[in-house]
Amino acid sequence: MKITSRREFLTSVARGGILGLMVLFSGAMLRRWENADDCRRSYACGNCGLSDRCNLPEAEKFRIEKNAPEKEKRENGRNGK
């Protein structure tokens, strides 16, 4: 790429700087998202593969509700047949 004028040079430097900042910002946000303890699925625990290990109160409620029918069957002596 041949730069013929000062204006083209400054434009290309500005574009490169903006692109670099966008890459750095995206990387920082991805890293922050990976390390976050918050819910990534808008509290839709049934669709989340992490619900068994999640520490959020919503996930705990989901686990209790999910296991309640199984516990009830065991207490009543039924095995689901």
PDB file of N, CA and C in Angstrom:
ATOM      1  N   MET A   1       0.845  -1.167   0.000  1.00  0.00           N
ATOM      2  CA  MET A   1       0.000   0.000   0.000  1.00  0.00           C
ATOM      3  C   MET A   1       0.891   1.231   0.000  1.00  0.00           C
ATOM      4  N   LYS A   2       0.711   2.041  -0.969  1.00  0.00           N
ATOM      5  CA  LYS A   2       1.530   3.237  -1.101  1.00  0.00           C
ATOM      6  C   LYS A   2       0.769   4.432  -0.536  1.00  0.00           C
ATOM      7  N   ILE A   3       1.372   5.118   0.411  1.00  0.00           N
ATOM      8  CA  ILE A   3       0.766   6.304   1.011  1.00  0.00           C
ATOM      9  C   ILE A   3       1.340   7.521   0.317  1.00  0.00           C
ATOM     10  N   THR A   4       0.450   8.308  -0.279  1.00  0.00           N
ATOM     11  CA  THR A   4       0.925   9.418  -1.090  1.00  0.00           C
ATOM     12  C   THR A   4       0.827  10.766  -0.393  1.00  0.00           C
ATOM     13  N   SER A   5       0.017  10.867   0.630  1.00  0.00           N
ATOM     14  CA  SER A   5      -0.116  12.174   1.271  1.00  0.00           C
ATOM     15  C   SER A   5      -0.183  12.015   2.788  1.00  0.00           C
ATOM     16  N   ARG A   6       0.009  13.117   3.439  1.00  0.00           N
ATOM     17  CA  ARG A   6      -0.045  13.139   4.900  1.00  0.00           C
ATOM     18  C   ARG A   6      -1.435  12.758   5.397  1.00  0.00           C
ATOM     19  N   ARG A   7      -2.454  13.205   4.692  1.00  0.00           N
ATOM     20  CA  ARG A   7      -3.836  12.906   5.075  1.00  0.00           C
ATOM     21  C   ARG A   7      -4.098  11.397   5.032  1.00  0.00           C
ATOM     22  N   GLU A   8      -3.651  10.734   3.985  1.00  0.00           N
ATOM     23  CA  GLU A   8      -3.811   9.281   3.885  1.00  0.00           C
ATOM     24  C   GLU A   8      -3.047   8.567   4.992  1.00  0.00           C
ATOM     25  N   PHE A   9      -1.859   9.061   5.310  1.00  0.00           N
ATOM     26  CA  PHE A   9      -1.073   8.471   6.385  1.00  0.00           C
ATOM     27  C   PHE A   9      -1.812   8.590   7.713  1.00  0.00           C
ATOM     28  N   LEU A  10      -2.314   9.770   8.030  1.00  0.00           N
ATOM     29  CA  LEU A  10      -3.031   9.957   9.295  1.00  0.00           C
ATOM     30  C   LEU A  10      -4.318   9.133   9.341  1.00  0.00           C
ATOM     31  N   THR A  11      -4.987   9.017   8.219  1.00  0.00           N
ATOM     32  CA  THR A  11      -6.197   8.203   8.157  1.00  0.00           C
ATOM     33  C   THR A  11      -5.878   6.736   8.430  1.00  0.00           C
ATOM     34  N   SER A  12      -4.816   6.237   7.829  1.00  0.00           N
ATOM     35  CA  SER A  12      -4.459   4.830   8.036  1.00  0.00           C
ATOM     36  C   SER A  12      -3.987   4.585   9.473  1.00  0.00           C
ATOM     37  N   VAL A  13      -3.275   5.541  10.072  1.00  0.00           N
ATOM     38  CA  VAL A  13      -2.857   5.409  11.464  1.00  0.00           C
ATOM     39  C   VAL A  13      -4.075   5.408  12.385  1.00  0.00           C
ATOM     40  N   ALA A  14      -5.033   6.288  12.120  1.00  0.00           N
ATOM     41  CA  ALA A  14      -6.247   6.346  12.935  1.00  0.00           C
ATOM     42  C   ALA A  14      -7.041   5.045  12.821  1.00  0.00           C
ATOM     43  N   ARG A  15      -7.176   4.530  11.604  1.00  0.00           N
ATOM     44  CA  ARG A  15      -7.888   3.262  11.412  1.00  0.00           C
ATOM     45  C   ARG A  15      -7.190   2.118  12.145  1.00  0.00           C
ATOM     46  N   GLY A  16      -5.882   2.086  12.034  1.00  0.00           N
ATOM     47  CA  GLY A  16      -5.127   1.038  12.732  1.00  0.00           C
ATOM     48  C   GLY A  16      -5.263   1.147  14.238  1.00  0.00           C
ATOM     49  N   GLY A  17      -5.244   2.370  14.756  1.00  0.00           N
ATOM     50  CA  GLY A  17      -5.413   2.566  16.193  1.00  0.00           C
ATOM     51  C   GLY A  17      -6.787   2.152  16.673  1.00  0.00           C
ATOM     52  N   ILE A  18      -7.811   2.513  15.910  1.00  0.00           N
ATOM     53  CA  ILE A  18      -9.176   2.128  16.280  1.00  0.00           C
ATOM     54  C   ILE A  18      -9.328   0.605  16.235  1.00  0.00           C
ATOM     55  N   LEU A  19      -8.792  -0.022  15.206  1.00  0.00           N
ATOM     56  CA  LEU A  19      -8.853  -1.474  15.100  1.00  0.00           C
ATOM     57  C   LEU A  19      -8.125  -2.135  16.276  1.00  0.00           C
ATOM     58  N   GLY A  20      -6.952  -1.624  16.618  1.00  0.00           N
ATOM     59  CA  GLY A  20      -6.206  -2.167  17.758  1.00  0.00           C
ATOM     60  C   GLY A  20      -6.966  -2.022  19.060  1.00  0.00           C
ATOM     61  N   LEU A  21      -7.596  -0.867  19.278  1.00  0.00           N
ATOM     62  CA  LEU A  21      -8.393  -0.669  20.492  1.00  0.00           C
ATOM     63  C   LEU A  21      -9.596  -1.598  20.534  1.00  0.00           C
ATOM     64  N   MET A  22     -10.224  -1.825  19.399  1.00  0.00           N
ATOM     65  CA  MET A  22     -11.360  -2.738  19.345  1.00  0.00           C
ATOM     66  C   MET A  22     -10.935  -4.159  19.695  1.00  0.00           C
ATOM     67  N   VAL A  23      -9.783  -4.583  19.193  1.00  0.00           N
ATOM     68  CA  VAL A  23      -9.270  -5.921  19.496  1.00  0.00           C
ATOM     69  C   VAL A  23      -8.939  -6.041  20.980  1.00  0.00           C
ATOM     70  N   LEU A  24      -8.274  -5.035  21.535  1.00  0.00           N
ATOM     71  CA  LEU A  24      -7.942  -5.075  22.965  1.00  0.00           C
ATOM     72  C   LEU A  24      -9.195  -5.077  23.834  1.00  0.00           C
ATOM     73  N   PHE A  25     -10.166  -4.261  23.499  1.00  0.00           N
ATOM     74  CA  PHE A  25     -11.407  -4.197  24.265  1.00  0.00           C
ATOM     75  C   PHE A  25     -12.153  -5.527  24.202  1.00  0.00           C
ATOM     76  N   SER A  26     -12.225  -6.115  23.005  1.00  0.00           N
ATOM     77  CA  SER A  26     -12.906  -7.407  22.863  1.00  0.00           C
ATOM     78  C   SER A  26     -12.208  -8.490  23.674  1.00  0.00           C
ATOM     79  N   GLY A  27     -10.899  -8.520  23.621  1.00  0.00           N
ATOM     80  CA  GLY A  27     -10.147  -9.502  24.404  1.00  0.00           C
ATOM     81  C   GLY A  27     -10.340  -9.324  25.897  1.00  0.00           C
ATOM     82  N   ALA A  28     -10.344  -8.072  26.340  1.00  0.00           N
ATOM     83  CA  ALA A  28     -10.551  -7.814  27.767  1.00  0.00           C
ATOM     84  C   ALA A  28     -11.952  -8.231  28.205  1.00  0.00           C
ATOM     85  N   MET A  29     -12.940  -7.975  27.361  1.00  0.00           N
ATOM     86  CA  MET A  29     -14.307  -8.350  27.722  1.00  0.00           C
ATOM     87  C   MET A  29     -14.482  -9.867  27.734  1.00  0.00           C
ATOM     88  N   LEU A  30     -13.872 -10.564  26.783  1.00  0.00           N
ATOM     89  CA  LEU A  30     -13.955 -12.028  26.777  1.00  0.00           C
ATOM     90  C   LEU A  30     -13.285 -12.631  28.004  1.00  0.00           C
ATOM     91  N   ARG A  31     -12.145 -12.092  28.363  1.00  0.00           N
ATOM     92  CA  ARG A  31     -11.443 -12.598  29.552  1.00  0.00           C
ATOM     93  C   ARG A  31     -12.254 -12.340  30.814  1.00  0.00           C
ATOM     94  N   ARG A  32     -12.853 -11.173  30.892  1.00  0.00           N
ATOM     95  CA  ARG A  32     -13.683 -10.837  32.045  1.00  0.00           C
ATOM     96  C   ARG A  32     -14.905 -11.753  32.110  1.00  0.00           C
ATOM     97  N   TRP A  33     -15.503 -12.064  30.958  1.00  0.00           N
ATOM     98  CA  TRP A  33     -16.672 -12.916  30.913  1.00  0.00           C
ATOM     99  C   TRP A  33     -16.328 -14.339  31.345  1.00  0.00           C
ATOM    100  N   GLU A  34     -15.153 -14.835  30.945  1.00  0.00           N
ATOM    101  CA  GLU A  34     -14.740 -16.182  31.326  1.00  0.00           C
ATOM    102  C   GLU A  34     -14.527 -16.308  32.830  1.00  0.00           C
ATOM    103  N   ASN A  35     -14.045 -15.254  33.468  1.00  0.00           N
ATOM    104  CA  ASN A  35     -13.736 -15.306  34.888  1.00  0.00           C
ATOM    105  C   ASN A  35     -14.916 -14.914  35.768  1.00  0.00           C
ATOM    106  N   ALA A  36     -16.027 -14.526  35.183  1.00  0.00           N
ATOM    107  CA  ALA A  36     -17.176 -14.051  35.955  1.00  0.00           C
ATOM    108  C   ALA A  36     -17.912 -15.224  36.596  1.00  0.00           C
ATOM    109  N   ASP A  37     -18.440 -14.970  37.786  1.00  0.00           N
ATOM    110  CA  ASP A  37     -19.239 -15.974  38.482  1.00  0.00           C
ATOM    111  C   ASP A  37     -20.726 -15.795  38.221  1.00  0.00           C
ATOM    112  N   ASP A  38     -21.095 -14.779  37.475  1.00  0.00           N
ATOM    113  CA  ASP A  38     -22.500 -14.508  37.202  1.00  0.00           C
ATOM    114  C   ASP A  38     -23.045 -15.473  36.167  1.00  0.00           C
ATOM    115  N   CYS A  39     -24.350 -15.494  36.079  1.00  0.00           N
ATOM    116  CA  CYS A  39     -25.027 -16.366  35.125  1.00  0.00           C
ATOM    117  C   CYS A  39     -24.827 -15.864  33.709  1.00  0.00           C
ATOM    118  N   ARG A  40     -24.525 -16.779  32.804  1.00  0.00           N
ATOM    119  CA  ARG A  40     -24.309 -16.423  31.406  1.00  0.00           C
ATOM    120  C   ARG A  40     -25.523 -16.741  30.545  1.00  0.00           C
ATOM    121  N   ARG A  41     -26.530 -17.350  31.120  1.00  0.00           N
ATOM    122  CA  ARG A  41     -27.683 -17.798  30.341  1.00  0.00           C
ATOM    123  C   ARG A  41     -28.984 -17.158  30.798  1.00  0.00           C
ATOM    124  N   SER A  42     -28.921 -15.990  31.391  1.00  0.00           N
ATOM    125  CA  SER A  42     -30.104 -15.247  31.836  1.00  0.00           C
ATOM    126  C   SER A  42     -30.965 -16.074  32.790  1.00  0.00           C
ATOM    127  N   TYR A  43     -30.335 -16.797  33.665  1.00  0.00           N
ATOM    128  CA  TYR A  43     -30.994 -17.584  34.712  1.00  0.00           C
ATOM    129  C   TYR A  43     -31.902 -18.661  34.148  1.00  0.00           C
ATOM    130  N   ALA A  44     -31.614 -19.166  32.969  1.00  0.00           N
ATOM    131  CA  ALA A  44     -32.352 -20.282  32.381  1.00  0.00           C
ATOM    132  C   ALA A  44     -31.598 -21.556  32.726  1.00  0.00           C
ATOM    133  N   CYS A  45     -31.709 -21.991  33.958  1.00  0.00           N
ATOM    134  CA  CYS A  45     -30.887 -23.092  34.470  1.00  0.00           C
ATOM    135  C   CYS A  45     -31.132 -24.409  33.728  1.00  0.00           C
ATOM    136  N   GLY A  46     -32.337 -24.606  33.221  1.00  0.00           N
ATOM    137  CA  GLY A  46     -32.630 -25.843  32.499  1.00  0.00           C
ATOM    138  C   GLY A  46     -31.838 -25.987  31.222  1.00  0.00           C
ATOM    139  N   ASN A  47     -31.417 -24.884  30.645  1.00  0.00           N
ATOM    140  CA  ASN A  47     -30.664 -24.916  29.398  1.00  0.00           C
ATOM    141  C   ASN A  47     -29.163 -24.802  29.620  1.00  0.00           C
ATOM    142  N   CYS A  48     -28.731 -24.748  30.848  1.00  0.00           N
ATOM    143  CA  CYS A  48     -27.323 -24.509  31.150  1.00  0.00           C
ATOM    144  C   CYS A  48     -26.649 -25.805  31.570  1.00  0.00           C
ATOM    145  N   GLY A  49     -25.502 -26.060  31.016  1.00  0.00           N
ATOM    146  CA  GLY A  49     -24.752 -27.247  31.384  1.00  0.00           C
ATOM    147  C   GLY A  49     -24.007 -27.097  32.706  1.00  0.00           C
ATOM    148  N   LEU A  50     -23.965 -25.894  33.235  1.00  0.00           N
ATOM    149  CA  LEU A  50     -23.247 -25.639  34.474  1.00  0.00           C
ATOM    150  C   LEU A  50     -24.156 -25.649  35.697  1.00  0.00           C
ATOM    151  N   SER A  51     -25.429 -25.970  35.532  1.00  0.00           N
ATOM    152  CA  SER A  51     -26.378 -25.852  36.644  1.00  0.00           C
ATOM    153  C   SER A  51     -26.039 -26.784  37.810  1.00  0.00           C
ATOM    154  N   ASP A  52     -25.344 -27.885  37.553  1.00  0.00           N
ATOM    155  CA  ASP A  52     -24.985 -28.805  38.644  1.00  0.00           C
ATOM    156  C   ASP A  52     -23.879 -28.261  39.528  1.00  0.00           C
ATOM    157  N   ARG A  53     -23.066 -27.356  38.990  1.00  0.00           N
ATOM    158  CA  ARG A  53     -21.941 -26.807  39.757  1.00  0.00           C
ATOM    159  C   ARG A  53     -22.126 -25.340  40.122  1.00  0.00           C
ATOM    160  N   CYS A  54     -23.217 -24.735  39.694  1.00  0.00           N
ATOM    161  CA  CYS A  54     -23.418 -23.296  39.850  1.00  0.00           C
ATOM    162  C   CYS A  54     -23.714 -22.943  41.305  1.00  0.00           C
ATOM    163  N   ASN A  55     -23.186 -21.805  41.752  1.00  0.00           N
ATOM    164  CA  ASN A  55     -23.375 -21.370  43.129  1.00  0.00           C
ATOM    165  C   ASN A  55     -24.501 -20.366  43.306  1.00  0.00           C
ATOM    166  N   LEU A  56     -25.145 -19.964  42.227  1.00  0.00           N
ATOM    167  CA  LEU A  56     -26.209 -18.978  42.329  1.00  0.00           C
ATOM    168  C   LEU A  56     -27.452 -19.580  42.987  1.00  0.00           C
ATOM    169  N   PRO A  57     -28.191 -18.760  43.732  1.00  0.00           N
ATOM    170  CA  PRO A  57     -29.404 -19.263  44.395  1.00  0.00           C
ATOM    171  C   PRO A  57     -30.431 -19.809  43.409  1.00  0.00           C
ATOM    172  N   GLU A  58     -30.515 -19.221  42.210  1.00  0.00           N
ATOM    173  CA  GLU A  58     -31.459 -19.701  41.214  1.00  0.00           C
ATOM    174  C   GLU A  58     -31.137 -21.132  40.791  1.00  0.00           C
ATOM    175  N   ALA A  59     -29.859 -21.428  40.654  1.00  0.00           N
ATOM    176  CA  ALA A  59     -29.440 -22.779  40.261  1.00  0.00           C
ATOM    177  C   ALA A  59     -29.728 -23.776  41.383  1.00  0.00           C
ATOM    178  N   GLU A  60     -29.561 -23.346  42.614  1.00  0.00           N
ATOM    179  CA  GLU A  60     -29.870 -24.233  43.746  1.00  0.00           C
ATOM    180  C   GLU A  60     -31.358 -24.567  43.773  1.00  0.00           C
ATOM    181  N   LYS A  61     -32.206 -23.560  43.530  1.00  0.00           N
ATOM    182  CA  LYS A  61     -33.651 -23.802  43.457  1.00  0.00           C
ATOM    183  C   LYS A  61     -33.976 -24.761  42.320  1.00  0.00           C
ATOM    184  N   PHE A  62     -33.327 -24.566  41.198  1.00  0.00           N
ATOM    185  CA  PHE A  62     -33.556 -25.440  40.048  1.00  0.00           C
ATOM    186  C   PHE A  62     -33.182 -26.877  40.383  1.00  0.00           C
ATOM    187  N   ARG A  63     -32.049 -27.083  41.044  1.00  0.00           N
ATOM    188  CA  ARG A  63     -31.626 -28.438  41.402  1.00  0.00           C
ATOM    189  C   ARG A  63     -32.625 -29.089  42.354  1.00  0.00           C
ATOM    190  N   ILE A  64     -33.125 -28.313  43.312  1.00  0.00           N
ATOM    191  CA  ILE A  64     -34.095 -28.848  44.271  1.00  0.00           C
ATOM    192  C   ILE A  64     -35.388 -29.240  43.553  1.00  0.00           C
ATOM    193  N   GLU A  65     -35.867 -28.353  42.673  1.00  0.00           N
ATOM    194  CA  GLU A  65     -37.098 -28.636  41.933  1.00  0.00           C
ATOM    195  C   GLU A  65     -36.918 -29.804  40.971  1.00  0.00           C
ATOM    196  N   LYS A  66     -35.746 -29.906  40.370  1.00  0.00           N
ATOM    197  CA  LYS A  66     -35.476 -30.985  39.422  1.00  0.00           C
ATOM    198  C   LYS A  66     -35.418 -32.335  40.134  1.00  0.00           C
ATOM    199  N   ASN A  67     -34.880 -32.365  41.351  1.00  0.00           N
ATOM    200  CA  ASN A  67     -34.713 -33.618  42.072  1.00  0.00           C
ATOM    201  C   ASN A  67     -35.910 -33.955  42.947  1.00  0.00           C
ATOM    202  N   ALA A  68     -36.857 -33.048  43.122  1.00  0.00           N
ATOM    203  CA  ALA A  68     -38.007 -33.292  44.000  1.00  0.00           C
ATOM    204  C   ALA A  68     -38.847 -34.473  43.544  1.00  0.00           C
ATOM    205  N   PRO A  69     -39.213 -34.605  42.257  1.00  0.00           N
ATOM    206  CA  PRO A  69     -40.016 -35.767  41.859  1.00  0.00           C
ATOM    207  C   PRO A  69     -39.297 -37.095  42.098  1.00  0.00           C
ATOM    208  N   GLU A  70     -37.998 -37.135  41.882  1.00  0.00           N
ATOM    209  CA  GLU A  70     -37.238 -38.363  42.116  1.00  0.00           C
ATOM    210  C   GLU A  70     -37.228 -38.715  43.597  1.00  0.00           C
ATOM    211  N   LYS A  71     -37.071 -37.708  44.445  1.00  0.00           N
ATOM    212  CA  LYS A  71     -37.063 -37.933  45.887  1.00  0.00           C
ATOM    213  C   LYS A  71     -38.426 -38.422  46.357  1.00  0.00           C
ATOM    214  N   GLU A  72     -39.481 -37.861  45.788  1.00  0.00           N
ATOM    215  CA  GLU A  72     -40.833 -38.250  46.155  1.00  0.00           C
ATOM    216  C   GLU A  72     -41.086 -39.707  45.774  1.00  0.00           C
ATOM    217  N   LYS A  73     -40.617 -40.112  44.614  1.00  0.00           N
ATOM    218  CA  LYS A  73     -40.794 -41.496  44.179  1.00  0.00           C
ATOM    219  C   LYS A  73     -40.070 -42.448  45.118  1.00  0.00           C
ATOM    220  N   ARG A  74     -38.865 -42.079  45.536  1.00  0.00           N
ATOM    221  CA  ARG A  74     -38.111 -42.947  46.447  1.00  0.00           C
ATOM    222  C   ARG A  74     -38.789 -43.060  47.797  1.00  0.00           C
ATOM    223  N   GLU A  75     -39.346 -41.948  48.274  1.00  0.00           N
ATOM    224  CA  GLU A  75     -40.017 -41.979  49.587  1.00  0.00           C
ATOM    225  C   GLU A  75     -41.293 -42.799  49.544  1.00  0.00           C
ATOM    226  N   ASN A  76     -41.984 -42.814  48.397  1.00  0.00           N
ATOM    227  CA  ASN A  76     -43.227 -43.554  48.273  1.00  0.00           C
ATOM    228  C   ASN A  76     -43.002 -45.009  47.849  1.00  0.00           C
ATOM    229  N   GLY A  77     -41.768 -45.400  47.612  1.00  0.00           N
ATOM    230  CA  GLY A  77     -41.451 -46.752  47.243  1.00  0.00           C
ATOM    231  C   GLY A  77     -41.674 -47.062  45.771  1.00  0.00           C
ATOM    232  N   ARG A  78     -41.846 -46.047  44.980  1.00  0.00           N
ATOM    233  CA  ARG A  78     -42.048 -46.255  43.544  1.00  0.00           C
ATOM    234  C   ARG A  78     -40.714 -46.075  42.834  1.00  0.00           C
ATOM    235  N   ASN A  79     -40.536 -46.837  41.807  1.00  0.00           N
ATOM    236  CA  ASN A  79     -39.305 -46.689  41.050  1.00  0.00           C
ATOM    237  C   ASN A  79     -39.563 -46.217  39.628  1.00  0.00           C
ATOM    238  N   GLY A  80     -40.747 -45.702  39.347  1.00  0.00           N
ATOM    239  CA  GLY A  80     -41.037 -45.134  38.053  1.00  0.00           C
ATOM    240  C   GLY A  80     -41.504 -46.120  37.012  1.00  0.00           C
ATOM    241  N   LYS A  81     -41.796 -47.356  37.406  1.00  0.00           N
ATOM    242  CA  LYS A  81     -42.263 -48.372  36.437  1.00  0.00           C
ATOM    243  C   LYS A  81     -43.756 -48.460  36.459  1.00  0.00           C
TER     244      LYS A  81
END
